[in-house]
Amino acid sequence: MLQIRPVSDLRNKFPEIEGVVGNGEPVFLTKNGYGTMVVMSIEKYSELTDGIELKLDEADYAAEMSNVRYTHEEVFTRLRNKNNA
């Protein structure tokens, strides 16, 4: 179930929030009724970012092996064309 709590719960009910994120569920925190942040376990965060880190490492390696460079316009044009194909 989606956990939405006021940001004050982070201070006042930390053990409860820690238990929720320890079970792999994120907790969405609000301030004055608006979403402000998400709290999640390190393990869950790693699941979300490890693939990105690997791809960035691959890109760094490819850049070291080549002198070819692309502008951001070229990169985004290629991505748009690939997504629209």
N, C-alpha and C. Protein backbone atom coordinates (compact mmCIF):
# COMPACT_ATOMS: atom_id res chain seq x y z
N MET A 1 0.84 -1.19 0.00
CA MET A 1 0.00 0.00 0.00
C MET A 1 0.88 1.25 0.00
N LEU A 2 0.49 2.23 -0.74
CA LEU A 2 1.23 3.48 -0.85
C LEU A 2 1.29 4.18 0.50
N GLN A 3 2.50 4.53 0.92
CA GLN A 3 2.70 5.21 2.20
C GLN A 3 2.93 6.70 1.95
N ILE A 4 1.97 7.52 2.34
CA ILE A 4 2.10 8.98 2.23
C ILE A 4 1.97 9.53 3.64
N ARG A 5 2.98 10.27 4.06
CA ARG A 5 3.02 10.79 5.43
C ARG A 5 3.52 12.24 5.43
N PRO A 6 3.16 12.97 6.47
CA PRO A 6 3.72 14.33 6.59
C PRO A 6 5.21 14.24 6.94
N VAL A 7 5.96 15.21 6.50
CA VAL A 7 7.40 15.21 6.72
C VAL A 7 7.73 15.20 8.22
N SER A 8 6.84 15.69 9.06
CA SER A 8 7.07 15.68 10.51
C SER A 8 7.18 14.26 11.04
N ASP A 9 6.57 13.27 10.36
CA ASP A 9 6.69 11.88 10.78
C ASP A 9 8.12 11.37 10.69
N LEU A 10 8.91 11.98 9.83
CA LEU A 10 10.31 11.56 9.71
C LEU A 10 11.03 11.79 11.04
N ARG A 11 10.69 12.86 11.72
CA ARG A 11 11.28 13.16 13.01
C ARG A 11 10.54 12.45 14.13
N ASN A 12 9.22 12.51 14.11
CA ASN A 12 8.42 12.03 15.23
C ASN A 12 8.17 10.53 15.23
N LYS A 13 8.20 9.90 14.06
CA LYS A 13 7.88 8.48 13.95
C LYS A 13 8.92 7.75 13.09
N PHE A 14 10.17 8.12 13.29
CA PHE A 14 11.25 7.55 12.49
C PHE A 14 11.26 6.02 12.50
N PRO A 15 11.11 5.36 13.66
CA PRO A 15 11.15 3.89 13.65
C PRO A 15 10.06 3.27 12.75
N GLU A 16 8.89 3.88 12.70
CA GLU A 16 7.83 3.37 11.82
C GLU A 16 8.23 3.50 10.36
N ILE A 17 8.75 4.66 9.99
CA ILE A 17 9.18 4.89 8.61
C ILE A 17 10.33 3.97 8.25
N GLU A 18 11.25 3.81 9.17
CA GLU A 18 12.38 2.91 8.95
C GLU A 18 11.90 1.48 8.71
N GLY A 19 10.88 1.06 9.44
CA GLY A 19 10.32 -0.27 9.23
C GLY A 19 9.69 -0.43 7.87
N VAL A 20 8.98 0.59 7.41
CA VAL A 20 8.33 0.54 6.10
C VAL A 20 9.37 0.45 5.00
N VAL A 21 10.37 1.32 5.04
CA VAL A 21 11.38 1.31 3.97
C VAL A 21 12.26 0.07 4.07
N GLY A 22 12.41 -0.47 5.27
CA GLY A 22 13.16 -1.71 5.44
C GLY A 22 12.48 -2.89 4.77
N ASN A 23 11.18 -2.80 4.58
CA ASN A 23 10.43 -3.83 3.88
C ASN A 23 10.40 -3.61 2.37
N GLY A 24 11.15 -2.62 1.89
CA GLY A 24 11.25 -2.38 0.45
C GLY A 24 10.23 -1.40 -0.09
N GLU A 25 9.41 -0.82 0.78
CA GLU A 25 8.40 0.14 0.34
C GLU A 25 8.93 1.57 0.49
N PRO A 26 8.74 2.42 -0.50
CA PRO A 26 9.11 3.83 -0.33
C PRO A 26 8.05 4.55 0.51
N VAL A 27 8.46 5.62 1.15
CA VAL A 27 7.53 6.48 1.90
C VAL A 27 7.58 7.85 1.25
N PHE A 28 6.42 8.34 0.84
CA PHE A 28 6.29 9.65 0.22
C PHE A 28 5.97 10.66 1.32
N LEU A 29 6.78 11.70 1.43
CA LEU A 29 6.60 12.71 2.47
C LEU A 29 6.01 13.98 1.89
N THR A 30 5.11 14.57 2.66
CA THR A 30 4.46 15.81 2.22
C THR A 30 4.74 16.93 3.20
N LYS A 31 4.67 18.14 2.70
CA LYS A 31 4.80 19.34 3.53
C LYS A 31 3.69 20.28 3.08
N ASN A 32 2.85 20.66 4.01
CA ASN A 32 1.71 21.52 3.71
C ASN A 32 0.83 20.92 2.60
N GLY A 33 0.71 19.58 2.62
CA GLY A 33 -0.17 18.91 1.68
C GLY A 33 0.42 18.63 0.31
N TYR A 34 1.67 19.01 0.08
CA TYR A 34 2.31 18.79 -1.21
C TYR A 34 3.50 17.84 -1.05
N GLY A 35 3.69 16.98 -2.04
CA GLY A 35 4.81 16.06 -2.00
C GLY A 35 6.13 16.79 -2.03
N THR A 36 7.06 16.36 -1.15
CA THR A 36 8.37 17.01 -1.10
C THR A 36 9.52 16.05 -1.34
N MET A 37 9.38 14.79 -0.90
CA MET A 37 10.49 13.85 -1.05
C MET A 37 10.00 12.43 -0.87
N VAL A 38 10.88 11.51 -1.25
CA VAL A 38 10.62 10.08 -1.08
C VAL A 38 11.77 9.51 -0.27
N VAL A 39 11.43 8.69 0.72
CA VAL A 39 12.44 8.00 1.52
C VAL A 39 12.38 6.53 1.13
N MET A 40 13.58 5.95 0.85
CA MET A 40 13.62 4.54 0.51
C MET A 40 14.90 3.94 1.06
N SER A 41 14.94 2.62 1.12
CA SER A 41 16.13 1.93 1.61
C SER A 41 17.28 2.09 0.62
N ILE A 42 18.47 1.91 1.12
CA ILE A 42 19.65 1.96 0.26
C ILE A 42 19.58 0.85 -0.79
N GLU A 43 19.08 -0.31 -0.38
CA GLU A 43 18.97 -1.43 -1.31
C GLU A 43 18.04 -1.09 -2.47
N LYS A 44 16.89 -0.50 -2.16
CA LYS A 44 15.92 -0.15 -3.20
C LYS A 44 16.50 0.94 -4.11
N TYR A 45 17.18 1.92 -3.52
CA TYR A 45 17.81 2.97 -4.31
C TYR A 45 18.85 2.36 -5.25
N SER A 46 19.63 1.42 -4.75
CA SER A 46 20.64 0.76 -5.59
C SER A 46 20.00 0.03 -6.75
N GLU A 47 18.87 -0.63 -6.51
CA GLU A 47 18.15 -1.31 -7.59
C GLU A 47 17.79 -0.33 -8.71
N LEU A 48 17.42 0.88 -8.31
CA LEU A 48 17.00 1.88 -9.29
C LEU A 48 18.17 2.50 -10.05
N THR A 49 19.33 2.57 -9.41
CA THR A 49 20.44 3.32 -10.00
C THR A 49 21.59 2.48 -10.53
N ASP A 50 21.69 1.22 -10.14
CA ASP A 50 22.85 0.41 -10.57
C ASP A 50 22.96 0.30 -12.08
N GLY A 51 21.86 0.10 -12.77
CA GLY A 51 21.88 0.01 -14.22
C GLY A 51 22.36 1.30 -14.87
N ILE A 52 21.94 2.42 -14.29
CA ILE A 52 22.36 3.72 -14.81
C ILE A 52 23.86 3.90 -14.61
N GLU A 53 24.36 3.54 -13.43
CA GLU A 53 25.80 3.66 -13.16
C GLU A 53 26.61 2.81 -14.13
N LEU A 54 26.13 1.60 -14.41
CA LEU A 54 26.81 0.72 -15.35
C LEU A 54 26.87 1.35 -16.75
N LYS A 55 25.75 1.91 -17.20
CA LYS A 55 25.71 2.54 -18.53
C LYS A 55 26.61 3.77 -18.58
N LEU A 56 26.66 4.54 -17.50
CA LEU A 56 27.55 5.71 -17.46
C LEU A 56 29.02 5.27 -17.51
N ASP A 57 29.35 4.19 -16.81
CA ASP A 57 30.71 3.66 -16.86
C ASP A 57 31.05 3.21 -18.28
N GLU A 58 30.10 2.55 -18.95
CA GLU A 58 30.32 2.12 -20.33
C GLU A 58 30.53 3.33 -21.24
N ALA A 59 29.76 4.39 -21.03
CA ALA A 59 29.89 5.60 -21.84
C ALA A 59 31.25 6.26 -21.60
N ASP A 60 31.69 6.30 -20.35
CA ASP A 60 33.01 6.86 -20.04
C ASP A 60 34.11 6.07 -20.75
N TYR A 61 34.00 4.76 -20.73
CA TYR A 61 34.99 3.91 -21.38
C TYR A 61 34.99 4.15 -22.89
N ALA A 62 33.79 4.21 -23.48
CA ALA A 62 33.69 4.44 -24.92
C ALA A 62 34.27 5.80 -25.29
N ALA A 63 34.07 6.80 -24.45
CA ALA A 63 34.62 8.13 -24.72
C ALA A 63 36.15 8.12 -24.65
N GLU A 64 36.70 7.32 -23.76
CA GLU A 64 38.16 7.22 -23.67
C GLU A 64 38.76 6.55 -24.90
N MET A 65 38.00 5.65 -25.52
CA MET A 65 38.49 4.88 -26.66
C MET A 65 38.28 5.58 -28.00
N SER A 66 37.60 6.71 -28.01
CA SER A 66 37.28 7.37 -29.27
C SER A 66 37.42 8.88 -29.13
N ASN A 67 37.73 9.52 -30.24
CA ASN A 67 37.78 10.98 -30.27
C ASN A 67 36.49 11.60 -30.77
N VAL A 68 35.53 10.76 -31.15
CA VAL A 68 34.26 11.25 -31.68
C VAL A 68 33.44 11.83 -30.53
N ARG A 69 32.91 13.03 -30.76
CA ARG A 69 32.06 13.69 -29.75
C ARG A 69 30.80 14.18 -30.43
N TYR A 70 29.69 14.15 -29.71
CA TYR A 70 28.40 14.59 -30.23
C TYR A 70 27.88 15.75 -29.40
N THR A 71 27.20 16.69 -30.05
CA THR A 71 26.55 17.76 -29.32
C THR A 71 25.27 17.20 -28.69
N HIS A 72 24.72 17.92 -27.74
CA HIS A 72 23.48 17.44 -27.12
C HIS A 72 22.34 17.42 -28.13
N GLU A 73 22.38 18.35 -29.12
CA GLU A 73 21.35 18.34 -30.15
C GLU A 73 21.41 17.05 -30.97
N GLU A 74 22.62 16.62 -31.32
CA GLU A 74 22.78 15.39 -32.09
C GLU A 74 22.28 14.17 -31.30
N VAL A 75 22.63 14.12 -30.04
CA VAL A 75 22.21 12.99 -29.20
C VAL A 75 20.70 12.93 -29.07
N PHE A 76 20.07 14.07 -28.75
CA PHE A 76 18.62 14.06 -28.55
C PHE A 76 17.87 13.85 -29.87
N THR A 77 18.41 14.33 -30.97
CA THR A 77 17.78 14.08 -32.27
C THR A 77 17.80 12.58 -32.57
N ARG A 78 18.93 11.93 -32.33
CA ARG A 78 19.02 10.49 -32.54
C ARG A 78 18.04 9.74 -31.65
N LEU A 79 17.95 10.13 -30.39
CA LEU A 79 17.02 9.48 -29.47
C LEU A 79 15.57 9.66 -29.91
N ARG A 80 15.22 10.90 -30.31
CA ARG A 80 13.86 11.14 -30.78
C ARG A 80 13.54 10.30 -32.01
N ASN A 81 14.49 10.26 -32.94
CA ASN A 81 14.28 9.46 -34.16
C ASN A 81 14.14 7.98 -33.84
N LYS A 82 14.93 7.51 -32.91
CA LYS A 82 14.86 6.11 -32.52
C LYS A 82 13.53 5.80 -31.83
N ASN A 83 13.05 6.68 -30.99
CA ASN A 83 11.78 6.47 -30.28
C ASN A 83 10.59 6.60 -31.21
N ASN A 84 10.70 7.40 -32.25
CA ASN A 84 9.60 7.60 -33.18
C ASN A 84 9.55 6.55 -34.30
N ALA A 85 10.60 5.74 -34.38
CA ALA A 85 10.66 4.74 -35.46
C ALA A 85 9.76 3.54 -35.17
